[in-house]
Amino acid sequence: DIDSNRTHLNYSLTPYLNIPENEYYERREEIRKLEYEYYKQRKSECYVYNRADVKTLAGCIVTLPKEITDPVEQKVFFKSVTSFLGERYGKENVVSATVHCDEGKTITITDSNGEVSQEFHVGQPHLHLTWIPATEIDHDVLSAKPHHCTGMDSFQDKISANDVITKRDLQTLHPDMQKYLD
């Protein structure tokens, strides 16, 4: 349900890019490449287990509450959510933060005479945020293990979705975000 007439309204909040909103639409292919390069660079700075099932990227979507209708308040909401998630998962781990305003469709209801009786839009602006689930390596704990992985010794962080996105993290995400936004 992408409405290409509204795609120009999408914008990036990716922290390291600082792309002006009015430039996002025309530079979106370049931005995707920059985000991918950033992902590869940040991933190279972290220890990654040599396993096929390692999750090196995580994401979430946060939808704008319907009661926020003022465009300025909408931008403040999305910037605040991006800041919250950056603080929670590490600003340096955020790969992409993009607000989509072009999804959804207009529903038209007609009466028995074919007259339009009601028209409304389904779909809300929302933020797509992706990050690398990296966590700091506790070298003291690591070196105390008799058979520790020496490959980790030269890294500060490791990629481990299991250590970052835990049951506790998922249980507290919404209440913590609401507290932050309040």
Protein backbone atom coordinates (compact mmCIF):
# COMPACT_ATOMS: atom_id res chain seq x y z
CA ASP A 1 0.00 0.00 0.00
CA ILE A 2 2.79 2.45 -0.82
CA ASP A 3 1.50 5.72 -2.22
CA SER A 4 4.34 6.93 -4.44
CA ASN A 5 2.80 10.41 -4.46
CA ARG A 6 3.78 10.67 -0.78
CA THR A 7 7.24 9.03 -0.91
CA HIS A 8 8.86 12.46 -1.01
CA LEU A 9 7.56 12.95 2.56
CA ASN A 10 9.79 10.16 3.94
CA TYR A 11 12.94 11.26 5.76
CA SER A 12 16.01 9.93 7.51
CA LEU A 13 16.91 10.32 11.18
CA THR A 14 19.99 8.11 10.91
CA PRO A 15 22.29 9.70 13.54
CA TYR A 16 25.61 9.67 11.67
CA LEU A 17 24.18 10.94 8.35
CA ASN A 18 22.50 14.23 9.31
CA ILE A 19 20.58 14.33 6.01
CA PRO A 20 18.23 17.32 5.69
CA GLU A 21 14.64 16.09 5.30
CA ASN A 22 14.20 17.76 1.94
CA GLU A 23 17.20 15.84 0.54
CA TYR A 24 16.17 12.33 1.57
CA TYR A 25 13.94 11.53 -1.38
CA GLU A 26 16.46 12.43 -4.06
CA ARG A 27 19.41 10.90 -2.18
CA ARG A 28 17.72 7.72 -0.91
CA GLU A 29 19.78 5.33 -3.07
CA GLU A 30 23.01 7.01 -1.92
CA ILE A 31 21.76 6.89 1.68
CA ARG A 32 21.08 3.15 1.46
CA LYS A 33 24.64 2.61 0.25
CA LEU A 34 26.05 4.78 3.06
CA GLU A 35 23.99 2.86 5.61
CA TYR A 36 25.24 -0.45 4.23
CA GLU A 37 28.84 0.78 4.36
CA TYR A 38 28.31 1.92 7.96
CA TYR A 39 26.83 -1.49 8.81
CA LYS A 40 29.88 -3.29 7.39
CA GLN A 41 32.29 -0.89 9.15
CA ARG A 42 30.58 -1.19 12.56
CA LYS A 43 30.26 -4.96 12.17
CA SER A 44 34.01 -5.19 11.48
CA GLU A 45 34.66 -3.42 14.80
CA CYS A 46 32.82 -6.16 16.71
CA TYR A 47 33.60 -9.77 17.36
CA VAL A 48 31.20 -12.00 15.42
CA TYR A 49 30.85 -15.68 16.22
CA ASN A 50 31.71 -17.84 13.22
CA ARG A 51 28.26 -19.40 12.96
CA ALA A 52 25.66 -19.32 10.19
CA ASP A 53 22.83 -18.42 12.56
CA VAL A 54 24.34 -15.22 14.01
CA LYS A 55 21.91 -12.31 13.76
CA THR A 56 23.97 -9.22 12.90
CA LEU A 57 21.09 -6.81 12.40
CA ALA A 58 17.91 -6.18 14.36
CA GLY A 59 15.03 -3.88 13.66
CA CYS A 60 11.80 -2.48 14.92
CA ILE A 61 8.97 -0.34 13.67
CA VAL A 62 7.38 2.36 15.83
CA THR A 63 4.07 3.77 14.62
CA LEU A 64 3.02 7.35 15.29
CA PRO A 65 0.14 7.50 17.77
CA LYS A 66 -3.05 8.69 16.07
CA GLU A 67 -3.50 11.53 18.57
CA ILE A 68 -0.31 13.24 17.37
CA THR A 69 -1.52 15.18 14.36
CA ASP A 70 0.65 18.29 14.43
CA PRO A 71 3.58 17.90 11.95
CA VAL A 72 6.06 19.50 14.36
CA GLU A 73 4.99 17.18 17.20
CA GLN A 74 5.25 14.20 14.83
CA LYS A 75 8.88 15.05 14.08
CA VAL A 76 9.63 15.54 17.78
CA PHE A 77 8.05 12.12 18.49
CA PHE A 78 10.17 10.32 15.89
CA LYS A 79 13.38 12.12 16.91
CA SER A 80 12.69 11.23 20.55
CA VAL A 81 12.04 7.57 19.70
CA THR A 82 15.27 7.47 17.69
CA SER A 83 17.18 8.98 20.63
CA PHE A 84 15.63 6.52 23.07
CA LEU A 85 16.45 3.49 20.92
CA GLY A 86 19.95 4.85 20.27
CA GLU A 87 20.55 5.18 24.01
CA ARG A 88 19.12 1.73 24.67
CA TYR A 89 20.99 -0.18 21.96
CA GLY A 90 23.98 2.11 21.45
CA LYS A 91 23.93 5.11 19.14
CA GLU A 92 27.03 3.73 17.40
CA ASN A 93 25.04 0.57 16.59
CA VAL A 94 22.16 2.34 14.83
CA VAL A 95 22.46 1.60 11.13
CA SER A 96 19.30 3.20 9.81
CA ALA A 97 16.40 5.29 11.10
CA THR A 98 13.87 6.22 8.45
CA VAL A 99 10.40 7.72 8.84
CA HIS A 100 7.90 6.44 6.28
CA CYS A 101 4.92 8.67 5.51
CA ASP A 102 3.94 7.02 2.23
CA GLU A 103 2.34 3.79 3.35
CA GLY A 104 -1.37 3.24 3.67
CA LYS A 105 -4.33 3.85 1.43
CA THR A 106 -7.42 5.96 1.15
CA ILE A 107 -10.68 4.09 1.70
CA THR A 108 -13.76 5.49 0.00
CA ILE A 109 -17.22 4.45 1.09
CA THR A 110 -20.06 5.13 -1.28
CA ASP A 111 -23.77 4.97 -0.68
CA SER A 112 -26.26 3.04 -2.81
CA ASN A 113 -26.43 5.95 -5.29
CA GLY A 114 -22.67 5.83 -5.86
CA GLU A 115 -22.17 9.06 -3.90
CA VAL A 116 -19.08 9.28 -1.70
CA SER A 117 -20.35 9.17 1.86
CA GLN A 118 -17.04 8.85 3.65
CA GLU A 119 -13.35 8.91 2.80
CA PHE A 120 -10.54 8.19 5.23
CA HIS A 121 -6.89 7.27 5.21
CA VAL A 122 -5.67 3.96 6.63
CA GLY A 123 -2.02 3.82 7.69
CA GLN A 124 0.09 5.95 9.97
CA PRO A 125 3.59 7.40 9.58
CA HIS A 126 6.10 5.11 11.27
CA LEU A 127 9.80 4.78 11.97
CA HIS A 128 11.90 1.86 10.72
CA LEU A 129 15.00 1.57 12.91
CA THR A 130 17.71 -1.05 12.42
CA TRP A 131 20.69 -1.64 14.65
CA ILE A 132 23.52 -4.06 15.22
CA PRO A 133 22.82 -6.02 18.44
CA ALA A 134 26.26 -5.48 19.93
CA THR A 135 27.21 -5.67 23.57
CA GLU A 136 30.41 -4.91 25.45
CA ILE A 137 32.73 -7.84 26.09
CA ASP A 138 33.58 -8.32 29.76
CA HIS A 139 37.25 -9.22 29.37
CA ASP A 140 37.68 -10.06 33.07
CA VAL A 141 34.94 -12.69 32.91
CA LEU A 142 36.19 -13.90 29.54
CA SER A 143 39.80 -14.39 30.63
CA ALA A 144 38.70 -16.23 33.78
CA LYS A 145 37.25 -18.99 31.60
CA PRO A 146 39.76 -21.81 31.12
CA HIS A 147 39.01 -22.25 27.40
CA HIS A 148 37.94 -18.77 26.39
CA CYS A 149 37.83 -17.64 22.78
CA THR A 150 41.08 -15.71 22.30
CA GLY A 151 39.65 -14.19 19.11
CA MET A 152 37.58 -11.87 21.30
CA ASP A 153 40.62 -10.43 23.07
CA SER A 154 41.19 -7.69 20.50
CA PHE A 155 37.55 -6.49 20.43
CA GLN A 156 35.59 -4.28 22.82
CA ASP A 157 32.17 -5.42 21.61
CA LYS A 158 30.61 -8.60 20.30
CA ILE A 159 27.50 -9.11 18.22
CA SER A 160 25.00 -11.21 20.12
CA ALA A 161 21.28 -10.72 19.57
CA ASN A 162 20.65 -13.26 22.35
CA ASP A 163 22.48 -11.04 24.85
CA VAL A 164 20.88 -7.78 23.68
CA ILE A 165 17.30 -8.69 22.80
CA THR A 166 16.34 -10.67 25.84
CA LYS A 167 12.93 -11.50 27.26
CA ARG A 168 13.50 -8.77 29.86
CA ASP A 169 14.41 -6.26 27.13
CA LEU A 170 11.20 -7.04 25.25
CA GLN A 171 9.10 -6.85 28.44
CA THR A 172 10.46 -3.42 29.38
CA LEU A 173 10.82 -1.82 25.93
CA HIS A 174 7.37 -0.22 25.69
CA PRO A 175 7.12 0.96 29.32
CA ASP A 176 10.67 2.37 29.18
CA MET A 177 9.97 4.13 25.89
CA GLN A 178 6.75 5.63 27.26
CA LYS A 179 8.59 6.86 30.35
CA TYR A 180 11.29 8.40 28.13
CA LEU A 181 8.70 10.10 25.92
CA ASP A 182 6.74 11.42 28.91
